[in-house]
N, C-alpha and C. Protein backbone atom coordinates (compact mmCIF):
# COMPACT_ATOMS: atom_id res chain seq x y z
N MET A 1 -4.00 -13.05 32.60
CA MET A 1 -4.68 -13.59 31.44
C MET A 1 -6.07 -14.13 31.82
N ARG A 2 -6.30 -14.33 33.14
CA ARG A 2 -7.62 -14.83 33.53
C ARG A 2 -8.72 -13.89 33.10
N LYS A 3 -8.48 -12.59 33.23
CA LYS A 3 -9.51 -11.62 32.85
C LYS A 3 -9.78 -11.68 31.35
N VAL A 4 -8.74 -11.79 30.56
CA VAL A 4 -8.92 -11.89 29.11
C VAL A 4 -9.71 -13.16 28.78
N ARG A 5 -9.34 -14.26 29.42
CA ARG A 5 -10.03 -15.53 29.19
C ARG A 5 -11.50 -15.42 29.58
N ARG A 6 -11.78 -14.84 30.74
CA ARG A 6 -13.17 -14.66 31.18
C ARG A 6 -13.95 -13.80 30.19
N ASP A 7 -13.33 -12.73 29.71
CA ASP A 7 -14.01 -11.85 28.75
C ASP A 7 -14.28 -12.57 27.43
N ILE A 8 -13.35 -13.39 26.99
CA ILE A 8 -13.55 -14.16 25.75
C ILE A 8 -14.72 -15.11 25.92
N VAL A 9 -14.74 -15.85 27.04
CA VAL A 9 -15.83 -16.80 27.26
C VAL A 9 -17.15 -16.07 27.41
N LYS A 10 -17.15 -14.91 28.07
CA LYS A 10 -18.39 -14.12 28.18
C LYS A 10 -18.87 -13.68 26.80
N THR A 11 -17.96 -13.24 25.96
CA THR A 11 -18.32 -12.84 24.60
C THR A 11 -18.92 -14.01 23.82
N ILE A 12 -18.30 -15.18 23.96
CA ILE A 12 -18.81 -16.37 23.26
C ILE A 12 -20.19 -16.74 23.78
N ASN A 13 -20.36 -16.72 25.10
CA ASN A 13 -21.66 -17.10 25.66
C ASN A 13 -22.74 -16.08 25.33
N ASP A 14 -22.40 -14.81 25.26
CA ASP A 14 -23.37 -13.80 24.80
C ASP A 14 -23.75 -14.06 23.35
N PHE A 15 -22.76 -14.38 22.53
CA PHE A 15 -22.99 -14.70 21.13
C PHE A 15 -23.91 -15.92 21.00
N ARG A 16 -23.62 -16.96 21.78
CA ARG A 16 -24.42 -18.19 21.75
C ARG A 16 -25.84 -17.92 22.24
N ALA A 17 -25.99 -17.08 23.23
CA ALA A 17 -27.32 -16.77 23.77
C ALA A 17 -28.19 -16.12 22.69
N GLY A 18 -27.58 -15.36 21.80
CA GLY A 18 -28.32 -14.75 20.70
C GLY A 18 -28.94 -15.77 19.76
N PHE A 19 -28.39 -16.98 19.76
CA PHE A 19 -28.93 -18.07 18.94
C PHE A 19 -29.72 -19.07 19.78
N GLY A 20 -29.93 -18.75 21.06
CA GLY A 20 -30.65 -19.66 21.94
C GLY A 20 -29.85 -20.89 22.31
N ARG A 21 -28.53 -20.79 22.30
CA ARG A 21 -27.66 -21.92 22.61
C ARG A 21 -27.27 -21.87 24.09
N PRO A 22 -27.03 -23.04 24.70
CA PRO A 22 -26.55 -23.05 26.09
C PRO A 22 -25.12 -22.53 26.15
N PRO A 23 -24.69 -22.11 27.32
CA PRO A 23 -23.32 -21.58 27.44
C PRO A 23 -22.27 -22.68 27.29
N VAL A 24 -21.04 -22.27 26.98
CA VAL A 24 -19.92 -23.18 27.00
C VAL A 24 -19.23 -23.02 28.36
N TYR A 25 -18.55 -24.08 28.77
CA TYR A 25 -17.87 -24.08 30.06
C TYR A 25 -16.37 -24.10 29.83
N LEU A 26 -15.68 -23.34 30.63
CA LEU A 26 -14.23 -23.24 30.54
C LEU A 26 -13.61 -24.47 31.20
N ASP A 27 -12.66 -25.07 30.52
CA ASP A 27 -11.98 -26.26 31.05
C ASP A 27 -10.52 -25.91 31.31
N PRO A 28 -10.09 -25.91 32.56
CA PRO A 28 -8.71 -25.49 32.88
C PRO A 28 -7.63 -26.34 32.21
N ASN A 29 -7.82 -27.65 32.13
CA ASN A 29 -6.82 -28.50 31.49
C ASN A 29 -6.73 -28.20 29.99
N THR A 30 -7.87 -27.91 29.39
CA THR A 30 -7.88 -27.57 27.96
C THR A 30 -7.22 -26.21 27.74
N ASN A 31 -7.32 -25.30 28.71
CA ASN A 31 -6.61 -24.02 28.61
C ASN A 31 -5.11 -24.26 28.44
N LEU A 32 -4.57 -25.20 29.22
CA LEU A 32 -3.14 -25.51 29.13
C LEU A 32 -2.78 -26.07 27.76
N ALA A 33 -3.64 -26.96 27.26
CA ALA A 33 -3.39 -27.54 25.93
C ALA A 33 -3.48 -26.46 24.85
N ALA A 34 -4.44 -25.56 24.98
CA ALA A 34 -4.59 -24.47 24.01
C ALA A 34 -3.36 -23.57 24.01
N HIS A 35 -2.81 -23.33 25.19
CA HIS A 35 -1.59 -22.52 25.29
C HIS A 35 -0.42 -23.21 24.60
N GLU A 36 -0.26 -24.50 24.84
CA GLU A 36 0.84 -25.25 24.20
C GLU A 36 0.68 -25.28 22.68
N TYR A 37 -0.55 -25.46 22.22
CA TYR A 37 -0.79 -25.48 20.78
C TYR A 37 -0.51 -24.10 20.17
N ALA A 38 -0.89 -23.05 20.89
CA ALA A 38 -0.62 -21.69 20.43
C ALA A 38 0.89 -21.45 20.33
N LYS A 39 1.65 -21.94 21.31
CA LYS A 39 3.11 -21.79 21.26
C LYS A 39 3.67 -22.48 20.03
N TYR A 40 3.16 -23.68 19.73
CA TYR A 40 3.61 -24.40 18.54
C TYR A 40 3.30 -23.59 17.27
N LEU A 41 2.07 -23.09 17.17
CA LEU A 41 1.66 -22.35 15.96
C LEU A 41 2.54 -21.11 15.76
N LEU A 42 2.84 -20.41 16.84
CA LEU A 42 3.66 -19.21 16.72
C LEU A 42 5.10 -19.58 16.34
N LYS A 43 5.64 -20.60 16.99
CA LYS A 43 7.02 -21.01 16.71
C LYS A 43 7.17 -21.46 15.26
N GLU A 44 6.20 -22.22 14.77
CA GLU A 44 6.27 -22.73 13.40
C GLU A 44 5.67 -21.78 12.38
N ARG A 45 5.17 -20.64 12.85
CA ARG A 45 4.54 -19.63 11.99
C ARG A 45 3.41 -20.27 11.17
N ALA A 46 2.60 -21.09 11.85
CA ALA A 46 1.56 -21.89 11.18
C ALA A 46 0.15 -21.48 11.60
N TRP A 47 -0.04 -20.24 12.01
CA TRP A 47 -1.36 -19.82 12.49
C TRP A 47 -2.41 -19.81 11.38
N ASP A 48 -1.98 -19.71 10.12
CA ASP A 48 -2.94 -19.73 9.01
C ASP A 48 -3.32 -21.15 8.59
N SER A 49 -2.51 -22.14 8.97
CA SER A 49 -2.79 -23.52 8.58
C SER A 49 -2.49 -24.46 9.75
N PRO A 50 -3.38 -24.46 10.76
CA PRO A 50 -3.16 -25.31 11.93
C PRO A 50 -3.03 -26.78 11.54
N ASP A 51 -2.16 -27.49 12.25
CA ASP A 51 -1.88 -28.89 12.00
C ASP A 51 -2.67 -29.76 12.97
N GLU A 52 -3.64 -30.53 12.45
CA GLU A 52 -4.49 -31.34 13.31
C GLU A 52 -3.72 -32.48 13.96
N GLY A 53 -2.68 -32.97 13.31
CA GLY A 53 -1.86 -34.02 13.91
C GLY A 53 -1.16 -33.53 15.16
N VAL A 54 -0.60 -32.32 15.09
CA VAL A 54 0.06 -31.74 16.26
C VAL A 54 -0.98 -31.46 17.34
N LEU A 55 -2.16 -30.98 16.96
CA LEU A 55 -3.22 -30.73 17.93
C LEU A 55 -3.57 -32.02 18.67
N GLU A 56 -3.68 -33.12 17.95
CA GLU A 56 -3.97 -34.41 18.59
C GLU A 56 -2.88 -34.80 19.57
N GLU A 57 -1.62 -34.59 19.18
CA GLU A 57 -0.50 -34.92 20.07
C GLU A 57 -0.55 -34.08 21.35
N VAL A 58 -0.83 -32.80 21.20
CA VAL A 58 -0.93 -31.91 22.36
C VAL A 58 -2.08 -32.36 23.26
N CYS A 59 -3.21 -32.69 22.67
CA CYS A 59 -4.37 -33.12 23.46
C CYS A 59 -4.08 -34.43 24.18
N GLN A 60 -3.37 -35.34 23.54
CA GLN A 60 -2.99 -36.59 24.19
C GLN A 60 -2.04 -36.33 25.35
N ALA A 61 -1.12 -35.40 25.18
CA ALA A 61 -0.17 -35.08 26.24
C ALA A 61 -0.90 -34.52 27.47
N PHE A 62 -2.00 -33.82 27.27
CA PHE A 62 -2.77 -33.25 28.38
C PHE A 62 -3.95 -34.13 28.78
N LYS A 63 -3.98 -35.35 28.23
CA LYS A 63 -5.00 -36.35 28.57
C LYS A 63 -6.42 -35.85 28.32
N LEU A 64 -6.61 -35.10 27.22
CA LEU A 64 -7.94 -34.62 26.86
C LEU A 64 -8.66 -35.73 26.11
N ILE A 65 -9.78 -36.15 26.63
CA ILE A 65 -10.50 -37.27 26.04
C ILE A 65 -11.37 -36.83 24.86
N PRO A 66 -12.21 -35.80 25.00
CA PRO A 66 -13.02 -35.46 23.83
C PRO A 66 -12.17 -34.88 22.71
N LYS A 67 -12.58 -35.10 21.48
CA LYS A 67 -11.88 -34.54 20.32
C LYS A 67 -12.04 -33.03 20.35
N GLN A 68 -10.95 -32.33 20.14
CA GLN A 68 -10.94 -30.87 20.18
C GLN A 68 -10.93 -30.30 18.76
N LYS A 69 -11.68 -29.23 18.57
CA LYS A 69 -11.61 -28.46 17.32
C LYS A 69 -10.93 -27.14 17.66
N ALA A 70 -9.96 -26.75 16.87
CA ALA A 70 -9.22 -25.52 17.15
C ALA A 70 -9.64 -24.42 16.19
N ILE A 71 -9.85 -23.23 16.76
CA ILE A 71 -9.96 -22.03 15.93
C ILE A 71 -8.89 -21.06 16.43
N VAL A 72 -8.29 -20.37 15.50
CA VAL A 72 -7.13 -19.53 15.81
C VAL A 72 -7.37 -18.12 15.31
N GLY A 73 -7.21 -17.16 16.19
CA GLY A 73 -7.28 -15.75 15.82
C GLY A 73 -5.95 -15.10 16.10
N PHE A 74 -5.57 -14.16 15.27
CA PHE A 74 -4.32 -13.44 15.53
C PHE A 74 -4.49 -11.98 15.16
N SER A 75 -3.67 -11.17 15.79
CA SER A 75 -3.70 -9.74 15.55
C SER A 75 -2.26 -9.24 15.56
N HIS A 76 -1.97 -8.34 14.64
CA HIS A 76 -0.64 -7.75 14.58
C HIS A 76 -0.55 -6.63 15.60
N LEU A 77 0.63 -6.49 16.19
CA LEU A 77 0.85 -5.46 17.20
C LEU A 77 1.35 -4.18 16.57
N ASP A 78 0.84 -3.07 17.08
CA ASP A 78 1.40 -1.77 16.74
C ASP A 78 2.67 -1.58 17.56
N ASP A 79 3.53 -0.69 17.12
CA ASP A 79 4.77 -0.47 17.86
C ASP A 79 4.51 0.00 19.28
N ASP A 80 3.52 0.87 19.48
CA ASP A 80 3.25 1.38 20.83
C ASP A 80 2.57 0.33 21.71
N ALA A 81 1.81 -0.59 21.14
CA ALA A 81 1.15 -1.63 21.94
C ALA A 81 2.16 -2.59 22.53
N ALA A 82 3.20 -2.87 21.79
CA ALA A 82 4.20 -3.83 22.25
C ALA A 82 4.96 -3.33 23.47
N SER A 83 5.09 -2.03 23.62
CA SER A 83 5.92 -1.52 24.70
C SER A 83 5.13 -1.08 25.93
N HIS A 84 3.86 -0.71 25.82
CA HIS A 84 3.14 -0.13 26.95
C HIS A 84 2.26 -1.12 27.71
N ASP A 85 1.46 -1.89 27.04
CA ASP A 85 0.49 -2.76 27.70
C ASP A 85 1.08 -4.16 27.88
N VAL A 86 1.39 -4.50 29.12
CA VAL A 86 2.01 -5.80 29.41
C VAL A 86 1.04 -6.94 29.10
N THR A 87 -0.24 -6.79 29.44
CA THR A 87 -1.21 -7.87 29.23
C THR A 87 -1.69 -7.95 27.79
N LYS A 88 -1.62 -6.85 27.07
CA LYS A 88 -2.09 -6.78 25.68
C LYS A 88 -3.54 -7.27 25.56
N MET A 89 -4.34 -6.90 26.56
CA MET A 89 -5.73 -7.35 26.60
C MET A 89 -6.49 -6.93 25.35
N ALA A 90 -6.35 -5.68 24.95
CA ALA A 90 -7.09 -5.19 23.77
C ALA A 90 -6.69 -5.97 22.53
N GLU A 91 -5.41 -6.29 22.41
CA GLU A 91 -4.95 -7.01 21.23
C GLU A 91 -5.47 -8.46 21.21
N PHE A 92 -5.45 -9.11 22.37
CA PHE A 92 -5.98 -10.47 22.44
C PHE A 92 -7.49 -10.47 22.18
N MET A 93 -8.21 -9.48 22.72
CA MET A 93 -9.64 -9.40 22.46
C MET A 93 -9.91 -9.10 20.99
N ASP A 94 -9.04 -8.33 20.37
CA ASP A 94 -9.17 -8.05 18.94
C ASP A 94 -8.97 -9.33 18.13
N ALA A 95 -7.98 -10.14 18.49
CA ALA A 95 -7.73 -11.41 17.80
C ALA A 95 -8.95 -12.32 17.94
N HIS A 96 -9.54 -12.35 19.14
CA HIS A 96 -10.75 -13.15 19.34
C HIS A 96 -11.92 -12.56 18.55
N GLY A 97 -12.05 -11.26 18.55
CA GLY A 97 -13.15 -10.60 17.84
C GLY A 97 -13.14 -10.90 16.35
N LEU A 98 -11.96 -11.07 15.78
CA LEU A 98 -11.89 -11.41 14.36
C LEU A 98 -12.53 -12.77 14.08
N LEU A 99 -12.48 -13.68 15.06
CA LEU A 99 -13.10 -14.99 14.88
C LEU A 99 -14.62 -14.87 14.76
N LEU A 100 -15.17 -13.86 15.41
CA LEU A 100 -16.62 -13.65 15.37
C LEU A 100 -17.07 -13.00 14.07
N GLU A 101 -16.12 -12.68 13.22
CA GLU A 101 -16.44 -12.08 11.93
C GLU A 101 -16.33 -13.07 10.78
N MET A 102 -15.86 -14.29 11.06
CA MET A 102 -15.68 -15.27 10.00
C MET A 102 -16.74 -16.37 10.13
N GLN A 103 -17.37 -16.68 9.01
CA GLN A 103 -18.51 -17.59 8.99
C GLN A 103 -18.20 -18.95 9.60
N SER A 104 -17.13 -19.57 9.19
CA SER A 104 -16.79 -20.92 9.68
C SER A 104 -16.59 -20.92 11.19
N GLU A 105 -15.86 -19.95 11.70
CA GLU A 105 -15.59 -19.87 13.13
C GLU A 105 -16.87 -19.54 13.90
N MET A 106 -17.71 -18.68 13.34
CA MET A 106 -18.98 -18.37 13.99
C MET A 106 -19.85 -19.61 14.11
N GLU A 107 -19.87 -20.44 13.07
CA GLU A 107 -20.66 -21.67 13.11
C GLU A 107 -20.13 -22.61 14.18
N GLN A 108 -18.81 -22.72 14.29
CA GLN A 108 -18.24 -23.59 15.32
C GLN A 108 -18.54 -23.08 16.72
N LEU A 109 -18.42 -21.77 16.91
CA LEU A 109 -18.68 -21.20 18.23
C LEU A 109 -20.15 -21.28 18.62
N SER A 110 -21.04 -21.28 17.65
CA SER A 110 -22.47 -21.33 17.97
C SER A 110 -23.06 -22.73 17.86
N ASP A 111 -22.23 -23.73 17.57
CA ASP A 111 -22.71 -25.11 17.45
C ASP A 111 -23.35 -25.55 18.77
N PRO A 112 -24.60 -25.99 18.75
CA PRO A 112 -25.26 -26.37 20.01
C PRO A 112 -24.61 -27.59 20.68
N LYS A 113 -23.85 -28.38 19.94
CA LYS A 113 -23.19 -29.54 20.53
C LYS A 113 -21.94 -29.16 21.33
N THR A 114 -21.36 -28.00 21.05
CA THR A 114 -20.17 -27.57 21.76
C THR A 114 -20.53 -27.22 23.19
N THR A 115 -19.83 -27.84 24.13
CA THR A 115 -20.12 -27.61 25.55
C THR A 115 -18.94 -27.03 26.32
N HIS A 116 -17.72 -27.23 25.83
CA HIS A 116 -16.53 -26.82 26.56
C HIS A 116 -15.56 -26.06 25.67
N ILE A 117 -14.78 -25.20 26.33
CA ILE A 117 -13.77 -24.42 25.62
C ILE A 117 -12.52 -24.31 26.48
N GLY A 118 -11.40 -24.27 25.80
CA GLY A 118 -10.13 -23.94 26.42
C GLY A 118 -9.54 -22.81 25.60
N VAL A 119 -8.96 -21.82 26.26
CA VAL A 119 -8.42 -20.66 25.57
C VAL A 119 -6.95 -20.50 25.92
N GLY A 120 -6.12 -20.43 24.88
CA GLY A 120 -4.69 -20.25 25.07
C GLY A 120 -4.21 -18.99 24.37
N PHE A 121 -3.18 -18.39 24.93
CA PHE A 121 -2.63 -17.13 24.40
C PHE A 121 -1.14 -17.26 24.21
N VAL A 122 -0.64 -16.56 23.21
CA VAL A 122 0.81 -16.47 23.02
C VAL A 122 1.08 -15.19 22.23
N GLU A 123 2.28 -14.68 22.38
CA GLU A 123 2.64 -13.45 21.69
C GLU A 123 4.12 -13.43 21.37
N ASP A 124 4.46 -12.63 20.40
CA ASP A 124 5.86 -12.29 20.16
C ASP A 124 5.91 -10.79 19.94
N SER A 125 6.97 -10.29 19.38
CA SER A 125 7.11 -8.84 19.25
C SER A 125 6.24 -8.24 18.15
N THR A 126 5.63 -9.09 17.30
CA THR A 126 4.85 -8.55 16.19
C THR A 126 3.38 -8.92 16.20
N LYS A 127 3.01 -9.99 16.95
CA LYS A 127 1.60 -10.41 16.91
C LYS A 127 1.20 -11.14 18.17
N VAL A 128 -0.12 -11.27 18.34
CA VAL A 128 -0.69 -12.09 19.41
C VAL A 128 -1.56 -13.15 18.76
N LEU A 129 -1.59 -14.34 19.36
CA LEU A 129 -2.44 -15.44 18.89
C LEU A 129 -3.36 -15.86 20.02
N VAL A 130 -4.60 -16.15 19.65
CA VAL A 130 -5.57 -16.73 20.57
C VAL A 130 -6.01 -18.05 19.95
N VAL A 131 -5.84 -19.14 20.70
CA VAL A 131 -6.30 -20.45 20.26
C VAL A 131 -7.48 -20.84 21.15
N GLU A 132 -8.59 -21.18 20.52
CA GLU A 132 -9.78 -21.61 21.24
C GLU A 132 -10.06 -23.06 20.84
N LEU A 133 -9.97 -23.95 21.82
CA LEU A 133 -10.24 -25.36 21.60
C LEU A 133 -11.68 -25.64 22.03
N LEU A 134 -12.46 -26.20 21.12
CA LEU A 134 -13.87 -26.47 21.36
C LEU A 134 -14.11 -27.96 21.41
N ALA A 135 -14.96 -28.41 22.34
CA ALA A 135 -15.25 -29.83 22.47
C ALA A 135 -16.66 -30.05 22.97
N GLU A 136 -17.10 -31.29 22.83
CA GLU A 136 -18.40 -31.71 23.34
C GLU A 136 -18.17 -32.80 24.36
N THR A 137 -18.69 -32.63 25.54
CA THR A 137 -18.64 -33.65 26.58
C THR A 137 -19.82 -33.47 27.51
N ALA A 138 -20.23 -34.53 28.14
CA ALA A 138 -21.45 -34.51 28.96
C ALA A 138 -21.19 -34.04 30.39
N LEU A 139 -19.94 -33.91 30.80
CA LEU A 139 -19.64 -33.57 32.18
C LEU A 139 -18.92 -32.24 32.30
N VAL A 140 -19.29 -31.48 33.32
CA VAL A 140 -18.57 -30.27 33.66
C VAL A 140 -17.86 -30.54 34.98
N VAL A 141 -16.54 -30.42 34.98
CA VAL A 141 -15.77 -30.58 36.21
C VAL A 141 -15.37 -29.19 36.68
N ASN A 142 -15.88 -28.82 37.85
CA ASN A 142 -15.57 -27.50 38.40
C ASN A 142 -14.31 -27.49 39.25
N THR A 143 -14.12 -28.56 40.04
CA THR A 143 -12.94 -28.61 40.89
C THR A 143 -12.41 -30.04 41.01
N LEU A 144 -11.12 -30.14 41.13
CA LEU A 144 -10.42 -31.38 41.46
C LEU A 144 -9.55 -31.06 42.67
N GLN A 145 -9.82 -31.71 43.79
CA GLN A 145 -9.07 -31.43 45.01
C GLN A 145 -8.60 -32.74 45.64
N PRO A 146 -7.41 -32.75 46.19
CA PRO A 146 -6.98 -33.96 46.91
C PRO A 146 -7.79 -34.09 48.20
N GLY A 147 -8.23 -35.30 48.49
CA GLY A 147 -8.97 -35.55 49.72
C GLY A 147 -8.02 -35.83 50.87
N GLU A 148 -8.53 -35.75 52.09
CA GLU A 148 -7.70 -35.99 53.28
C GLU A 148 -7.20 -37.43 53.35
N ASP A 149 -7.94 -38.35 52.75
CA ASP A 149 -7.57 -39.77 52.81
C ASP A 149 -6.76 -40.22 51.59
N GLY A 150 -6.24 -39.26 50.81
CA GLY A 150 -5.47 -39.61 49.63
C GLY A 150 -6.30 -39.74 48.37
N SER A 151 -7.61 -39.54 48.50
CA SER A 151 -8.50 -39.65 47.35
C SER A 151 -8.50 -38.33 46.57
N ILE A 152 -9.25 -38.30 45.50
CA ILE A 152 -9.43 -37.07 44.72
C ILE A 152 -10.90 -36.72 44.79
N HIS A 153 -11.19 -35.51 45.22
CA HIS A 153 -12.56 -35.03 45.32
C HIS A 153 -12.88 -34.23 44.06
N ILE A 154 -13.91 -34.65 43.36
CA ILE A 154 -14.30 -34.01 42.10
C ILE A 154 -15.69 -33.41 42.26
N GLU A 155 -15.82 -32.14 41.88
CA GLU A 155 -17.14 -31.50 41.88
C GLU A 155 -17.46 -31.06 40.47
N GLY A 156 -18.71 -31.23 40.10
CA GLY A 156 -19.16 -30.84 38.78
C GLY A 156 -20.59 -31.29 38.59
N TYR A 157 -21.03 -31.36 37.35
CA TYR A 157 -22.38 -31.85 37.09
C TYR A 157 -22.48 -32.41 35.69
N ASN A 158 -23.57 -33.13 35.51
CA ASN A 158 -23.84 -33.84 34.27
C ASN A 158 -24.71 -32.96 33.39
N LEU A 159 -24.23 -32.62 32.19
CA LEU A 159 -25.00 -31.79 31.27
C LEU A 159 -26.09 -32.56 30.55
N LYS A 160 -25.92 -33.88 30.45
CA LYS A 160 -26.87 -34.70 29.69
C LYS A 160 -27.27 -35.92 30.53
N PRO A 161 -28.04 -35.71 31.60
CA PRO A 161 -28.37 -36.84 32.47
C PRO A 161 -29.19 -37.92 31.77
N GLU A 162 -29.89 -37.56 30.71
CA GLU A 162 -30.66 -38.56 29.98
C GLU A 162 -29.79 -39.47 29.11
N GLU A 163 -28.54 -39.06 28.87
CA GLU A 163 -27.65 -39.82 28.01
C GLU A 163 -26.46 -40.44 28.73
N ALA A 164 -26.07 -39.88 29.87
CA ALA A 164 -24.86 -40.36 30.53
C ALA A 164 -25.09 -40.42 32.03
N GLY A 165 -24.49 -41.40 32.65
CA GLY A 165 -24.58 -41.55 34.10
C GLY A 165 -23.26 -41.24 34.74
N LEU A 166 -23.30 -40.95 36.01
CA LEU A 166 -22.10 -40.70 36.78
C LEU A 166 -21.89 -41.87 37.74
N TYR A 167 -20.67 -42.32 37.82
CA TYR A 167 -20.35 -43.45 38.67
C TYR A 167 -19.19 -43.04 39.57
N ALA A 168 -19.16 -43.63 40.74
CA ALA A 168 -18.05 -43.39 41.66
C ALA A 168 -17.24 -44.67 41.71
N ALA A 169 -15.95 -44.51 41.82
CA ALA A 169 -15.07 -45.68 41.90
C ALA A 169 -13.99 -45.41 42.92
N ARG A 170 -13.49 -46.45 43.49
CA ARG A 170 -12.37 -46.34 44.39
C ARG A 170 -11.25 -47.23 43.87
N ILE A 171 -10.15 -46.64 43.59
CA ILE A 171 -9.01 -47.39 43.06
C ILE A 171 -8.03 -47.58 44.20
N VAL A 172 -7.69 -48.82 44.47
CA VAL A 172 -6.76 -49.11 45.54
C VAL A 172 -5.61 -49.93 45.00
N SER A 173 -4.47 -49.87 45.69
CA SER A 173 -3.32 -50.66 45.24
C SER A 173 -3.43 -52.10 45.72
């Protein structure tokens, strides 16, 4: 699914570039939340009417601080697609492509304030769903690694240095 996710983000960033917007950054933790929310939508058959309360609960469970906006694309599977293509890449890309055809979703994807995205996928025997969670935050975190001394090493950068500062802290018991 990494390739599908990369292609979706590339499509979004190409779309944003057409409007002179900066790229969005993929957030791995938000990808997990998007996947969980997609599972909920498919289970409850609620892809046409996403529940913001459930989205908030999912975001809280994954400790997502910025408020997330969800856009949902879905595509019905043909009988032959369900049996041959394990990744269903074309179907997931088709579900995402439909979002680029709807005015409201296009406005959200091209919003200059949007800086981060998480993409989740889910499928059943009849359809595929793509959930894209959009957020605004001043920091891009590229890696989180445990340090040799028990610390956490974080790499990233500040998107808005004129508005936000970065601080280092050491938490000890």
